[in-house]
Amino acid sequence: MIQRLMLILLFMSSFSSLAQEQDEDLLRIKERLDIVSAFTADLKLDVDISFINMPQKTAIVKFKKGEPMSFSSEEFALIPKRGLDFSFQELFEHPFITVDRGMEVIEGKELKVVNVIPTDKKADFSIATVYLDVKAERIAISEISTKKDGTYKLLLDYPTYEAVLPSKVEVQFEMERIRIPLNFMGRDIDVDRKQMRKEDVKTGKIFLTLDYETIFY
């Protein structure tokens, strides 16, 4: 019993030593994102879902600081909306602590890995892992585990070294957890329902290409 208690105390002590209030590199990236007050962009969307054949869709995305990112399209209702939020407002909306997980090389680029753990029950996610390009001061990859809608992974590609906003975003998600109404994706989609029922774990990818019309700082 005493040994078990000592192990628990040792684990808590180790976690406490790793955890910090807020990672300084992440805060610098947050400050850089905060300079964007609003933007509007034309959006091209492609999907990679094994049982869905859908042509490329277009939409308009609008962002205003303090408000949810909005998507509008005459072709379909954009689902899932939460996973497409690359402003990362949700990540910083409530108080959080961070855990530095060290450095990792991905596709030849050295990225700092940080866990973001909300300390307020109002937060919609339980934990997030962000991969930081410290030199360029931006988020390269994020993986956010939500409380209700599964896990979203975003891979962000930026047009220039100085760019604050990405020009391409790949979103990976669990379809079963978000329960997409397929009719919302438009009339010109082809759904292989036999294949859909066959797959135990239904995952999908969404590819966004953005052409910014206006960015306000």
N, C-alpha and C. Protein backbone atom coordinates (compact mmCIF):
# COMPACT_ATOMS: atom_id res chain seq x y z
N MET A 1 0.83 -1.21 0.00
CA MET A 1 0.00 0.00 0.00
C MET A 1 0.86 1.26 0.00
N ILE A 2 1.92 1.24 0.84
CA ILE A 2 2.81 2.40 0.93
C ILE A 2 3.55 2.58 -0.40
N GLN A 3 3.98 1.45 -1.01
CA GLN A 3 4.68 1.54 -2.29
C GLN A 3 3.78 2.12 -3.37
N ARG A 4 2.50 1.68 -3.37
CA ARG A 4 1.56 2.20 -4.36
C ARG A 4 1.35 3.69 -4.18
N LEU A 5 1.22 4.14 -2.95
CA LEU A 5 1.05 5.56 -2.66
C LEU A 5 2.26 6.36 -3.11
N MET A 6 3.44 5.81 -2.89
CA MET A 6 4.67 6.50 -3.30
C MET A 6 4.74 6.62 -4.81
N LEU A 7 4.29 5.56 -5.53
CA LEU A 7 4.29 5.61 -6.99
C LEU A 7 3.32 6.68 -7.51
N ILE A 8 2.14 6.75 -6.88
CA ILE A 8 1.16 7.77 -7.28
C ILE A 8 1.71 9.17 -7.05
N LEU A 9 2.33 9.38 -5.89
CA LEU A 9 2.91 10.68 -5.59
C LEU A 9 4.04 11.02 -6.55
N LEU A 10 4.84 10.00 -6.92
CA LEU A 10 5.94 10.22 -7.86
C LEU A 10 5.40 10.60 -9.22
N PHE A 11 4.32 9.93 -9.67
CA PHE A 11 3.71 10.24 -10.96
C PHE A 11 3.16 11.67 -10.97
N MET A 12 2.46 12.04 -9.90
CA MET A 12 1.89 13.38 -9.82
C MET A 12 2.98 14.43 -9.80
N SER A 13 4.07 14.12 -9.10
CA SER A 13 5.19 15.06 -9.04
C SER A 13 5.83 15.23 -10.41
N SER A 14 5.97 14.10 -11.15
CA SER A 14 6.57 14.15 -12.48
C SER A 14 5.71 14.95 -13.44
N PHE A 15 4.37 14.71 -13.38
CA PHE A 15 3.45 15.45 -14.25
C PHE A 15 3.49 16.94 -13.92
N SER A 16 3.54 17.25 -12.63
CA SER A 16 3.56 18.64 -12.20
C SER A 16 4.80 19.36 -12.69
N SER A 17 5.92 18.62 -12.72
CA SER A 17 7.16 19.24 -13.16
C SER A 17 7.15 19.49 -14.66
N LEU A 18 6.40 18.63 -15.43
CA LEU A 18 6.30 18.82 -16.87
C LEU A 18 5.30 19.92 -17.23
N ALA A 19 4.22 19.98 -16.48
CA ALA A 19 3.16 20.94 -16.79
C ALA A 19 3.59 22.35 -16.42
N GLN A 20 3.14 23.28 -17.21
CA GLN A 20 3.41 24.67 -16.92
C GLN A 20 2.14 25.45 -17.21
N GLU A 21 2.08 26.67 -16.71
CA GLU A 21 0.85 27.43 -16.87
C GLU A 21 0.48 27.56 -18.34
N GLN A 22 1.36 28.14 -19.14
CA GLN A 22 1.11 28.28 -20.57
C GLN A 22 2.45 28.38 -21.30
N ASP A 23 2.62 27.53 -22.28
CA ASP A 23 3.88 27.48 -23.03
C ASP A 23 4.16 28.82 -23.72
N GLU A 24 5.38 29.32 -23.57
CA GLU A 24 5.73 30.63 -24.11
C GLU A 24 5.67 30.66 -25.63
N ASP A 25 6.12 29.59 -26.29
CA ASP A 25 6.07 29.56 -27.75
C ASP A 25 4.63 29.55 -28.25
N LEU A 26 3.78 28.80 -27.56
CA LEU A 26 2.36 28.76 -27.93
C LEU A 26 1.72 30.13 -27.73
N LEU A 27 2.09 30.81 -26.66
CA LEU A 27 1.53 32.15 -26.42
C LEU A 27 1.93 33.14 -27.51
N ARG A 28 3.17 33.02 -28.00
CA ARG A 28 3.60 33.90 -29.09
C ARG A 28 2.79 33.64 -30.35
N ILE A 29 2.51 32.37 -30.60
CA ILE A 29 1.69 32.03 -31.77
C ILE A 29 0.26 32.54 -31.58
N LYS A 30 -0.26 32.41 -30.39
CA LYS A 30 -1.61 32.93 -30.09
C LYS A 30 -1.65 34.44 -30.33
N GLU A 31 -0.64 35.16 -29.88
CA GLU A 31 -0.60 36.61 -30.08
C GLU A 31 -0.57 36.95 -31.57
N ARG A 32 0.13 36.14 -32.34
CA ARG A 32 0.21 36.37 -33.78
C ARG A 32 -1.15 36.13 -34.44
N LEU A 33 -1.85 35.09 -34.00
CA LEU A 33 -3.20 34.84 -34.52
C LEU A 33 -4.17 35.94 -34.11
N ASP A 34 -3.95 36.49 -32.93
CA ASP A 34 -4.85 37.52 -32.40
C ASP A 34 -4.81 38.81 -33.20
N ILE A 35 -3.75 39.02 -33.98
CA ILE A 35 -3.68 40.27 -34.76
C ILE A 35 -4.68 40.25 -35.92
N VAL A 36 -5.16 39.06 -36.30
CA VAL A 36 -6.16 38.97 -37.37
C VAL A 36 -7.53 39.22 -36.75
N SER A 37 -8.15 40.33 -37.11
CA SER A 37 -9.46 40.68 -36.55
C SER A 37 -10.60 40.13 -37.40
N ALA A 38 -10.36 39.96 -38.71
CA ALA A 38 -11.41 39.44 -39.60
C ALA A 38 -10.80 39.06 -40.93
N PHE A 39 -11.48 38.16 -41.63
CA PHE A 39 -11.07 37.84 -43.00
C PHE A 39 -12.24 37.21 -43.74
N THR A 40 -12.15 37.27 -45.07
CA THR A 40 -13.10 36.61 -45.97
C THR A 40 -12.29 35.88 -47.03
N ALA A 41 -12.68 34.66 -47.34
CA ALA A 41 -11.93 33.89 -48.33
C ALA A 41 -12.86 33.03 -49.17
N ASP A 42 -12.48 32.85 -50.44
CA ASP A 42 -13.16 31.87 -51.29
C ASP A 42 -12.56 30.51 -50.97
N LEU A 43 -13.43 29.51 -50.89
CA LEU A 43 -13.02 28.19 -50.43
C LEU A 43 -13.37 27.12 -51.46
N LYS A 44 -12.39 26.26 -51.74
CA LYS A 44 -12.63 25.06 -52.53
C LYS A 44 -12.50 23.87 -51.60
N LEU A 45 -13.44 22.93 -51.70
CA LEU A 45 -13.48 21.81 -50.78
C LEU A 45 -13.56 20.48 -51.53
N ASP A 46 -12.67 19.57 -51.16
CA ASP A 46 -12.68 18.21 -51.69
C ASP A 46 -12.75 17.24 -50.51
N VAL A 47 -13.37 16.09 -50.72
CA VAL A 47 -13.47 15.09 -49.65
C VAL A 47 -12.81 13.79 -50.07
N ASP A 48 -12.29 13.08 -49.08
CA ASP A 48 -11.74 11.75 -49.29
C ASP A 48 -12.41 10.82 -48.27
N ILE A 49 -13.55 10.26 -48.70
CA ILE A 49 -14.31 9.33 -47.86
C ILE A 49 -14.59 8.11 -48.72
N SER A 50 -14.22 6.93 -48.24
CA SER A 50 -14.22 5.72 -49.06
C SER A 50 -15.56 5.42 -49.72
N PHE A 51 -16.67 5.75 -49.06
CA PHE A 51 -17.98 5.38 -49.60
C PHE A 51 -18.75 6.56 -50.17
N ILE A 52 -18.06 7.71 -50.36
CA ILE A 52 -18.73 8.89 -50.92
C ILE A 52 -17.94 9.41 -52.12
N ASN A 53 -18.63 9.61 -53.22
CA ASN A 53 -18.04 10.24 -54.39
C ASN A 53 -18.70 11.60 -54.55
N MET A 54 -17.91 12.67 -54.38
CA MET A 54 -18.47 14.01 -54.42
C MET A 54 -17.56 14.92 -55.22
N PRO A 55 -18.10 15.68 -56.15
CA PRO A 55 -17.28 16.64 -56.89
C PRO A 55 -16.84 17.79 -55.98
N GLN A 56 -15.86 18.51 -56.43
CA GLN A 56 -15.36 19.65 -55.66
C GLN A 56 -16.48 20.66 -55.41
N LYS A 57 -16.52 21.17 -54.20
CA LYS A 57 -17.52 22.17 -53.82
C LYS A 57 -16.83 23.50 -53.56
N THR A 58 -17.61 24.56 -53.63
CA THR A 58 -17.09 25.89 -53.34
C THR A 58 -17.94 26.55 -52.26
N ALA A 59 -17.32 27.44 -51.53
CA ALA A 59 -18.03 28.15 -50.45
C ALA A 59 -17.29 29.44 -50.16
N ILE A 60 -17.88 30.24 -49.29
CA ILE A 60 -17.25 31.46 -48.78
C ILE A 60 -17.10 31.31 -47.28
N VAL A 61 -15.93 31.57 -46.77
CA VAL A 61 -15.68 31.48 -45.34
C VAL A 61 -15.44 32.89 -44.81
N LYS A 62 -16.08 33.20 -43.68
CA LYS A 62 -15.92 34.51 -43.06
C LYS A 62 -15.54 34.34 -41.60
N PHE A 63 -14.65 35.19 -41.15
CA PHE A 63 -14.20 35.14 -39.77
C PHE A 63 -14.19 36.54 -39.17
N LYS A 64 -14.70 36.64 -37.95
CA LYS A 64 -14.62 37.87 -37.18
C LYS A 64 -14.26 37.49 -35.76
N LYS A 65 -13.25 38.13 -35.21
CA LYS A 65 -12.75 37.75 -33.90
C LYS A 65 -13.87 37.77 -32.86
N GLY A 66 -13.92 36.71 -32.08
CA GLY A 66 -14.94 36.60 -31.04
C GLY A 66 -16.21 35.92 -31.48
N GLU A 67 -16.29 35.62 -32.79
CA GLU A 67 -17.47 34.94 -33.32
C GLU A 67 -17.05 33.65 -34.01
N PRO A 68 -17.95 32.65 -34.08
CA PRO A 68 -17.61 31.40 -34.76
C PRO A 68 -17.34 31.65 -36.24
N MET A 69 -16.38 30.93 -36.80
CA MET A 69 -16.11 31.01 -38.22
C MET A 69 -17.34 30.51 -38.98
N SER A 70 -17.76 31.24 -40.02
CA SER A 70 -18.98 30.88 -40.74
C SER A 70 -18.66 30.49 -42.17
N PHE A 71 -19.42 29.51 -42.68
CA PHE A 71 -19.27 29.04 -44.05
C PHE A 71 -20.61 29.15 -44.74
N SER A 72 -20.60 29.60 -45.97
CA SER A 72 -21.85 29.68 -46.73
C SER A 72 -21.61 29.16 -48.14
N SER A 73 -22.60 28.40 -48.63
CA SER A 73 -22.48 27.81 -49.96
C SER A 73 -23.86 27.57 -50.53
N GLU A 74 -24.03 27.80 -51.83
CA GLU A 74 -25.28 27.49 -52.49
C GLU A 74 -25.36 26.01 -52.86
N GLU A 75 -24.24 25.31 -52.77
CA GLU A 75 -24.18 23.93 -53.22
C GLU A 75 -24.49 22.91 -52.13
N PHE A 76 -24.19 23.25 -50.89
CA PHE A 76 -24.38 22.28 -49.81
C PHE A 76 -24.18 22.97 -48.47
N ALA A 77 -24.58 22.28 -47.38
CA ALA A 77 -24.32 22.74 -46.03
C ALA A 77 -23.01 22.13 -45.57
N LEU A 78 -22.10 22.96 -45.13
CA LEU A 78 -20.74 22.50 -44.82
C LEU A 78 -20.72 21.80 -43.48
N ILE A 79 -20.42 20.51 -43.48
CA ILE A 79 -20.38 19.70 -42.28
C ILE A 79 -19.08 18.90 -42.29
N PRO A 80 -18.32 18.76 -41.21
CA PRO A 80 -18.55 19.36 -39.90
C PRO A 80 -17.93 20.74 -39.81
N LYS A 81 -18.60 21.66 -39.15
CA LYS A 81 -18.10 23.02 -39.05
C LYS A 81 -17.03 23.17 -37.98
N ARG A 82 -17.17 22.46 -36.88
CA ARG A 82 -16.20 22.63 -35.79
C ARG A 82 -14.79 22.24 -36.21
N GLY A 83 -14.68 21.15 -36.94
CA GLY A 83 -13.36 20.69 -37.32
C GLY A 83 -12.67 21.58 -38.32
N LEU A 84 -13.41 22.49 -38.94
CA LEU A 84 -12.84 23.37 -39.95
C LEU A 84 -12.39 24.71 -39.38
N ASP A 85 -12.40 24.86 -38.07
CA ASP A 85 -12.02 26.13 -37.46
C ASP A 85 -10.51 26.19 -37.27
N PHE A 86 -9.83 26.80 -38.26
CA PHE A 86 -8.37 26.91 -38.17
C PHE A 86 -7.94 28.26 -37.58
N SER A 87 -8.90 29.00 -36.99
CA SER A 87 -8.55 30.21 -36.25
C SER A 87 -8.09 29.84 -34.84
N PHE A 88 -8.43 28.62 -34.40
CA PHE A 88 -8.06 28.08 -33.10
C PHE A 88 -8.61 28.90 -31.93
N GLN A 89 -9.74 29.58 -32.17
CA GLN A 89 -10.38 30.31 -31.08
C GLN A 89 -10.80 29.37 -29.95
N GLU A 90 -11.31 28.19 -30.33
CA GLU A 90 -11.78 27.22 -29.35
C GLU A 90 -10.65 26.79 -28.42
N LEU A 91 -9.45 26.71 -28.96
CA LEU A 91 -8.30 26.25 -28.19
C LEU A 91 -7.96 27.20 -27.05
N PHE A 92 -8.16 28.49 -27.29
CA PHE A 92 -7.74 29.50 -26.32
C PHE A 92 -8.90 30.19 -25.62
N GLU A 93 -10.12 29.69 -25.84
CA GLU A 93 -11.30 30.37 -25.30
C GLU A 93 -11.36 30.33 -23.78
N HIS A 94 -10.92 29.21 -23.19
CA HIS A 94 -10.98 29.04 -21.74
C HIS A 94 -9.56 28.84 -21.17
N PRO A 95 -9.38 29.06 -19.87
CA PRO A 95 -8.05 28.88 -19.26
C PRO A 95 -7.51 27.47 -19.50
N PHE A 96 -6.19 27.37 -19.63
CA PHE A 96 -5.58 26.08 -19.92
C PHE A 96 -4.15 26.04 -19.36
N ILE A 97 -3.65 24.82 -19.22
CA ILE A 97 -2.24 24.61 -18.92
C ILE A 97 -1.64 23.83 -20.08
N THR A 98 -0.32 23.77 -20.14
CA THR A 98 0.34 23.06 -21.23
C THR A 98 1.38 22.10 -20.69
N VAL A 99 1.69 21.09 -21.49
CA VAL A 99 2.76 20.14 -21.19
C VAL A 99 3.67 20.06 -22.41
N ASP A 100 4.94 20.35 -22.20
CA ASP A 100 5.93 20.30 -23.27
C ASP A 100 6.31 18.85 -23.52
N ARG A 101 6.05 18.36 -24.73
CA ARG A 101 6.36 16.97 -25.08
C ARG A 101 7.64 16.84 -25.90
N GLY A 102 8.41 17.91 -25.99
CA GLY A 102 9.68 17.84 -26.70
C GLY A 102 9.54 18.14 -28.19
N MET A 103 10.58 17.78 -28.94
CA MET A 103 10.63 18.08 -30.37
C MET A 103 10.40 16.80 -31.18
N GLU A 104 9.82 16.97 -32.36
CA GLU A 104 9.58 15.84 -33.27
C GLU A 104 9.80 16.32 -34.70
N VAL A 105 10.48 15.50 -35.49
CA VAL A 105 10.73 15.83 -36.89
C VAL A 105 9.65 15.18 -37.76
N ILE A 106 8.91 16.00 -38.48
CA ILE A 106 7.85 15.52 -39.37
C ILE A 106 8.09 16.10 -40.75
N GLU A 107 8.26 15.21 -41.73
CA GLU A 107 8.53 15.59 -43.12
C GLU A 107 9.70 16.57 -43.18
N GLY A 108 10.74 16.25 -42.42
CA GLY A 108 11.96 17.03 -42.45
C GLY A 108 11.93 18.33 -41.68
N LYS A 109 10.81 18.62 -41.03
CA LYS A 109 10.69 19.87 -40.27
C LYS A 109 10.62 19.56 -38.78
N GLU A 110 11.43 20.28 -38.01
CA GLU A 110 11.46 20.07 -36.56
C GLU A 110 10.34 20.89 -35.91
N LEU A 111 9.45 20.19 -35.22
CA LEU A 111 8.30 20.83 -34.61
C LEU A 111 8.28 20.57 -33.11
N LYS A 112 7.83 21.55 -32.37
CA LYS A 112 7.69 21.41 -30.92
C LYS A 112 6.29 20.87 -30.62
N VAL A 113 6.22 19.81 -29.81
CA VAL A 113 4.94 19.17 -29.50
C VAL A 113 4.48 19.61 -28.11
N VAL A 114 3.28 20.14 -28.04
CA VAL A 114 2.73 20.66 -26.79
C VAL A 114 1.32 20.14 -26.58
N ASN A 115 1.04 19.63 -25.39
CA ASN A 115 -0.33 19.28 -25.01
C ASN A 115 -1.00 20.50 -24.39
N VAL A 116 -2.23 20.75 -24.80
CA VAL A 116 -3.03 21.83 -24.23
C VAL A 116 -4.18 21.19 -23.46
N ILE A 117 -4.25 21.49 -22.16
CA ILE A 117 -5.25 20.87 -21.30
C ILE A 117 -6.11 21.96 -20.67
N PRO A 118 -7.40 22.04 -21.00
CA PRO A 118 -8.26 23.07 -20.42
C PRO A 118 -8.47 22.83 -18.93
N THR A 119 -8.54 23.92 -18.19
CA THR A 119 -8.78 23.83 -16.74
C THR A 119 -10.19 24.29 -16.38
N ASP A 120 -10.99 24.60 -17.38
CA ASP A 120 -12.36 25.03 -17.18
C ASP A 120 -13.29 24.00 -17.80
N LYS A 121 -14.29 23.55 -17.06
CA LYS A 121 -15.22 22.54 -17.55
C LYS A 121 -16.05 23.03 -18.74
N LYS A 122 -16.08 24.33 -18.97
CA LYS A 122 -16.85 24.88 -20.08
C LYS A 122 -16.21 24.57 -21.44
N ALA A 123 -14.94 24.23 -21.43
CA ALA A 123 -14.25 23.93 -22.68
C ALA A 123 -14.88 22.73 -23.36
N ASP A 124 -14.97 22.78 -24.70
CA ASP A 124 -15.60 21.70 -25.46
C ASP A 124 -14.64 20.56 -25.79
N PHE A 125 -13.37 20.71 -25.44
CA PHE A 125 -12.41 19.65 -25.71
C PHE A 125 -11.73 19.22 -24.42
N SER A 126 -11.24 17.98 -24.41
CA SER A 126 -10.61 17.44 -23.21
C SER A 126 -9.09 17.59 -23.25
N ILE A 127 -8.50 17.46 -24.43
CA ILE A 127 -7.05 17.65 -24.59
C ILE A 127 -6.77 17.92 -26.06
N ALA A 128 -5.73 18.69 -26.30
CA ALA A 128 -5.29 18.95 -27.67
C ALA A 128 -3.78 18.77 -27.73
N THR A 129 -3.31 18.29 -28.87
CA THR A 129 -1.88 18.22 -29.12
C THR A 129 -1.58 19.10 -30.32
N VAL A 130 -0.70 20.07 -30.13
CA VAL A 130 -0.35 20.98 -31.21
C VAL A 130 1.13 20.83 -31.53
N TYR A 131 1.43 20.90 -32.82
CA TYR A 131 2.80 20.81 -33.30
C TYR A 131 3.19 22.20 -33.80
N LEU A 132 4.14 22.80 -33.13
CA LEU A 132 4.47 24.21 -33.37
C LEU A 132 5.71 24.36 -34.24
N ASP A 133 5.57 25.18 -35.28
CA ASP A 133 6.73 25.63 -36.03
C ASP A 133 7.23 26.88 -35.30
N VAL A 134 8.16 26.68 -34.40
CA VAL A 134 8.58 27.77 -33.50
C VAL A 134 9.22 28.91 -34.27
N LYS A 135 10.03 28.60 -35.28
CA LYS A 135 10.72 29.65 -36.04
C LYS A 135 9.74 30.52 -36.81
N ALA A 136 8.76 29.88 -37.45
CA ALA A 136 7.77 30.64 -38.23
C ALA A 136 6.63 31.16 -37.35
N GLU A 137 6.60 30.72 -36.09
CA GLU A 137 5.58 31.14 -35.12
C GLU A 137 4.16 30.84 -35.63
N ARG A 138 3.89 29.56 -35.85
CA ARG A 138 2.54 29.15 -36.25
C ARG A 138 2.34 27.67 -35.95
N ILE A 139 1.08 27.25 -35.99
CA ILE A 139 0.72 25.87 -35.74
C ILE A 139 0.75 25.10 -37.06
N ALA A 140 1.52 24.02 -37.08
CA ALA A 140 1.63 23.21 -38.29
C ALA A 140 0.61 22.08 -38.30
N ILE A 141 0.38 21.48 -37.13
CA ILE A 141 -0.56 20.37 -37.00
C ILE A 141 -1.27 20.52 -35.66
N SER A 142 -2.54 20.18 -35.63
CA SER A 142 -3.26 20.14 -34.35
C SER A 142 -4.14 18.90 -34.32
N GLU A 143 -4.27 18.32 -33.16
CA GLU A 143 -5.16 17.18 -32.96
C GLU A 143 -5.97 17.45 -31.69
N ILE A 144 -7.26 17.69 -31.86
CA ILE A 144 -8.12 18.10 -30.76
C ILE A 144 -9.15 17.02 -30.46
N SER A 145 -9.14 16.54 -29.22
CA SER A 145 -10.11 15.53 -28.79
C SER A 145 -11.27 16.24 -28.11
N THR A 146 -12.41 16.27 -28.78
CA THR A 146 -13.58 16.96 -28.24
C THR A 146 -14.34 16.03 -27.29
N LYS A 147 -15.24 16.61 -26.52
CA LYS A 147 -16.01 15.83 -25.56
C LYS A 147 -17.18 15.09 -26.20
N LYS A 148 -17.66 15.57 -27.34
CA LYS A 148 -18.85 14.97 -27.95
C LYS A 148 -18.65 14.54 -29.40
N ASP A 149 -17.74 15.19 -30.11
CA ASP A 149 -17.66 14.99 -31.56
C ASP A 149 -16.40 14.29 -32.03
N GLY A 150 -15.79 13.49 -31.16
CA GLY A 150 -14.61 12.75 -31.58
C GLY A 150 -13.37 13.61 -31.68
N THR A 151 -12.43 13.13 -32.46
CA THR A 151 -11.13 13.81 -32.59
C THR A 151 -10.96 14.37 -33.99
N TYR A 152 -10.49 15.60 -34.05
CA TYR A 152 -10.18 16.25 -35.31
C TYR A 152 -8.67 16.46 -35.40
N LYS A 153 -8.13 16.20 -36.58
CA LYS A 153 -6.72 16.49 -36.82
C LYS A 153 -6.61 17.43 -38.01
N LEU A 154 -5.91 18.53 -37.84
CA LEU A 154 -5.72 19.52 -38.89
C LEU A 154 -4.25 19.59 -39.27
N LEU A 155 -3.98 19.52 -40.57
CA LEU A 155 -2.64 19.73 -41.10
C LEU A 155 -2.68 20.99 -41.94
N LEU A 156 -1.88 21.97 -41.57
CA LEU A 156 -1.97 23.29 -42.17
C LEU A 156 -0.75 23.59 -43.04
N ASP A 157 -1.02 24.14 -44.23
CA ASP A 157 0.04 24.52 -45.17
C ASP A 157 -0.09 26.01 -45.44
N TYR A 158 1.03 26.72 -45.33
CA TYR A 158 1.01 28.18 -45.46
C TYR A 158 1.67 28.61 -46.77
N PRO A 159 1.14 29.66 -47.41
CA PRO A 159 1.64 30.05 -48.73
C PRO A 159 3.05 30.65 -48.69
N THR A 160 3.40 31.34 -47.60
CA THR A 160 4.72 31.96 -47.47
C THR A 160 5.22 31.76 -46.04
N TYR A 161 6.49 32.02 -45.85
CA TYR A 161 7.07 31.88 -44.51
C TYR A 161 6.47 32.87 -43.53
N GLU A 162 6.06 34.03 -44.03
CA GLU A 162 5.55 35.09 -43.16
C GLU A 162 4.04 34.98 -42.92
N ALA A 163 3.35 34.15 -43.68
CA ALA A 163 1.89 34.11 -43.62
C ALA A 163 1.39 33.68 -42.24
N VAL A 164 0.32 34.33 -41.79
CA VAL A 164 -0.31 33.99 -40.51
C VAL A 164 -1.39 32.94 -40.72
N LEU A 165 -2.09 33.03 -41.85
CA LEU A 165 -3.20 32.13 -42.15
C LEU A 165 -2.82 31.10 -43.21
N PRO A 166 -3.34 29.89 -43.10
CA PRO A 166 -2.99 28.84 -44.07
C PRO A 166 -3.73 29.01 -45.39
N SER A 167 -3.12 28.50 -46.45
CA SER A 167 -3.79 28.49 -47.76
C SER A 167 -4.39 27.13 -48.05
N LYS A 168 -3.90 26.10 -47.34
CA LYS A 168 -4.44 24.75 -47.50
C LYS A 168 -4.57 24.10 -46.13
N VAL A 169 -5.68 23.40 -45.92
CA VAL A 169 -5.91 22.71 -44.65
C VAL A 169 -6.47 21.32 -44.95
N GLU A 170 -5.85 20.32 -44.35
CA GLU A 170 -6.38 18.96 -44.42
C GLU A 170 -6.99 18.62 -43.07
N VAL A 171 -8.27 18.23 -43.09
CA VAL A 171 -8.99 17.90 -41.86
C VAL A 171 -9.28 16.41 -41.84
N GLN A 172 -8.84 15.73 -40.80
CA GLN A 172 -9.14 14.30 -40.62
C GLN A 172 -10.10 14.18 -39.45
N PHE A 173 -11.13 13.34 -39.59
CA PHE A 173 -12.16 13.28 -38.56
C PHE A 173 -12.83 11.91 -38.54
N GLU A 174 -13.58 11.65 -37.47
CA GLU A 174 -14.34 10.42 -37.31
C GLU A 174 -15.79 10.70 -37.70
N MET A 175 -16.24 10.11 -38.77
CA MET A 175 -17.57 10.42 -39.28
C MET A 175 -18.67 9.96 -38.34
N GLU A 176 -18.50 8.81 -37.73
CA GLU A 176 -19.56 8.28 -36.86
C GLU A 176 -19.84 9.21 -35.69
N ARG A 177 -18.79 9.86 -35.19
CA ARG A 177 -18.97 10.70 -34.01
C ARG A 177 -19.72 11.99 -34.33
N ILE A 178 -19.62 12.47 -35.58
CA ILE A 178 -20.30 13.72 -35.90
C ILE A 178 -21.64 13.49 -36.61
N ARG A 179 -21.89 12.23 -37.04
CA ARG A 179 -23.18 11.86 -37.61
C ARG A 179 -23.61 12.81 -38.73
N ILE A 180 -22.84 12.83 -39.80
CA ILE A 180 -23.11 13.73 -40.92
C ILE A 180 -24.41 13.35 -41.64
N PRO A 181 -25.37 14.26 -41.76
CA PRO A 181 -26.54 14.00 -42.62
C PRO A 181 -26.09 14.08 -44.08
N LEU A 182 -26.06 12.96 -44.79
CA LEU A 182 -25.46 12.92 -46.12
C LEU A 182 -26.18 13.83 -47.11
N ASN A 183 -27.48 14.04 -46.90
CA ASN A 183 -28.21 14.90 -47.83
C ASN A 183 -27.76 16.36 -47.73
N PHE A 184 -27.08 16.72 -46.64
CA PHE A 184 -26.58 18.07 -46.50
C PHE A 184 -25.38 18.34 -47.41
N MET A 185 -24.80 17.27 -47.98
CA MET A 185 -23.60 17.43 -48.77
C MET A 185 -23.91 17.74 -50.23
N GLY A 186 -25.19 17.84 -50.58
CA GLY A 186 -25.57 18.19 -51.94
C GLY A 186 -26.21 17.04 -52.68
N ARG A 187 -26.90 17.36 -53.76
CA ARG A 187 -27.62 16.35 -54.53
C ARG A 187 -26.72 15.56 -55.47
N ASP A 188 -25.54 16.10 -55.77
CA ASP A 188 -24.69 15.47 -56.77
C ASP A 188 -23.65 14.54 -56.17
N ILE A 189 -23.95 13.97 -55.01
CA ILE A 189 -23.02 13.01 -54.42
C ILE A 189 -23.52 11.59 -54.65
N ASP A 190 -22.57 10.67 -54.70
CA ASP A 190 -22.89 9.25 -54.88
C ASP A 190 -22.42 8.51 -53.64
N VAL A 191 -23.35 7.90 -52.92
CA VAL A 191 -23.03 7.22 -51.67
C VAL A 191 -23.15 5.71 -51.85
N ASP A 192 -22.07 5.00 -51.57
CA ASP A 192 -22.08 3.54 -51.60
C ASP A 192 -22.48 3.06 -50.20
N ARG A 193 -23.78 2.88 -49.99
CA ARG A 193 -24.27 2.56 -48.65
C ARG A 193 -23.85 1.15 -48.20
N LYS A 194 -23.64 0.25 -49.14
CA LYS A 194 -23.16 -1.08 -48.79
C LYS A 194 -21.76 -1.00 -48.20
N GLN A 195 -20.91 -0.21 -48.85
CA GLN A 195 -19.56 -0.01 -48.34
C GLN A 195 -19.59 0.72 -47.01
N MET A 196 -20.50 1.66 -46.87
CA MET A 196 -20.62 2.43 -45.63
C MET A 196 -20.97 1.51 -44.46
N ARG A 197 -21.91 0.59 -44.67
CA ARG A 197 -22.31 -0.32 -43.60
C ARG A 197 -21.21 -1.33 -43.28
N LYS A 198 -20.38 -1.63 -44.27
CA LYS A 198 -19.33 -2.63 -44.10
C LYS A 198 -18.21 -2.14 -43.19
N GLU A 199 -17.91 -0.86 -43.25
CA GLU A 199 -16.78 -0.31 -42.51
C GLU A 199 -17.12 -0.15 -41.03
N ASP A 200 -16.28 -0.71 -40.18
CA ASP A 200 -16.48 -0.60 -38.73
C ASP A 200 -16.19 0.81 -38.25
N VAL A 201 -15.05 1.34 -38.67
CA VAL A 201 -14.65 2.68 -38.27
C VAL A 201 -14.70 3.57 -39.49
N LYS A 202 -15.57 4.55 -39.46
CA LYS A 202 -15.75 5.43 -40.61
C LYS A 202 -14.98 6.73 -40.37
N THR A 203 -13.95 6.92 -41.16
CA THR A 203 -13.15 8.14 -41.06
C THR A 203 -13.21 8.89 -42.39
N GLY A 204 -12.87 10.14 -42.33
CA GLY A 204 -12.89 10.94 -43.53
C GLY A 204 -11.85 12.03 -43.52
N LYS A 205 -11.60 12.57 -44.69
CA LYS A 205 -10.70 13.71 -44.82
C LYS A 205 -11.38 14.79 -45.66
N ILE A 206 -11.15 16.01 -45.28
CA ILE A 206 -11.62 17.16 -46.04
C ILE A 206 -10.41 18.01 -46.40
N PHE A 207 -10.32 18.41 -47.65
CA PHE A 207 -9.21 19.24 -48.10
C PHE A 207 -9.74 20.63 -48.47
N LEU A 208 -9.22 21.63 -47.83
CA LEU A 208 -9.63 23.01 -48.07
C LEU A 208 -8.52 23.77 -48.79
N THR A 209 -8.91 24.53 -49.80
CA THR A 209 -7.99 25.45 -50.46
C THR A 209 -8.59 26.84 -50.36
N LEU A 210 -7.82 27.78 -49.80
CA LEU A 210 -8.37 29.10 -49.49
C LEU A 210 -7.69 30.19 -50.31
N ASP A 211 -8.51 31.08 -50.84
CA ASP A 211 -8.03 32.28 -51.55
C ASP A 211 -8.62 33.48 -50.83
N TYR A 212 -7.80 34.18 -50.07
CA TYR A 212 -8.28 35.27 -49.22
C TYR A 212 -8.60 36.51 -50.03
N GLU A 213 -9.81 37.02 -49.85
CA GLU A 213 -10.21 38.27 -50.49
C GLU A 213 -9.82 39.46 -49.63
N THR A 214 -10.06 39.35 -48.32
CA THR A 214 -9.71 40.43 -47.40
C THR A 214 -9.18 39.84 -46.09
N ILE A 215 -8.18 40.49 -45.54
CA ILE A 215 -7.68 40.16 -44.20
C ILE A 215 -7.50 41.47 -43.46
N PHE A 216 -8.14 41.58 -42.30
CA PHE A 216 -8.04 42.80 -41.49
C PHE A 216 -7.23 42.51 -40.22
N TYR A 217 -6.27 43.39 -40.00
CA TYR A 217 -5.40 43.24 -38.81
C TYR A 217 -5.71 44.32 -37.78
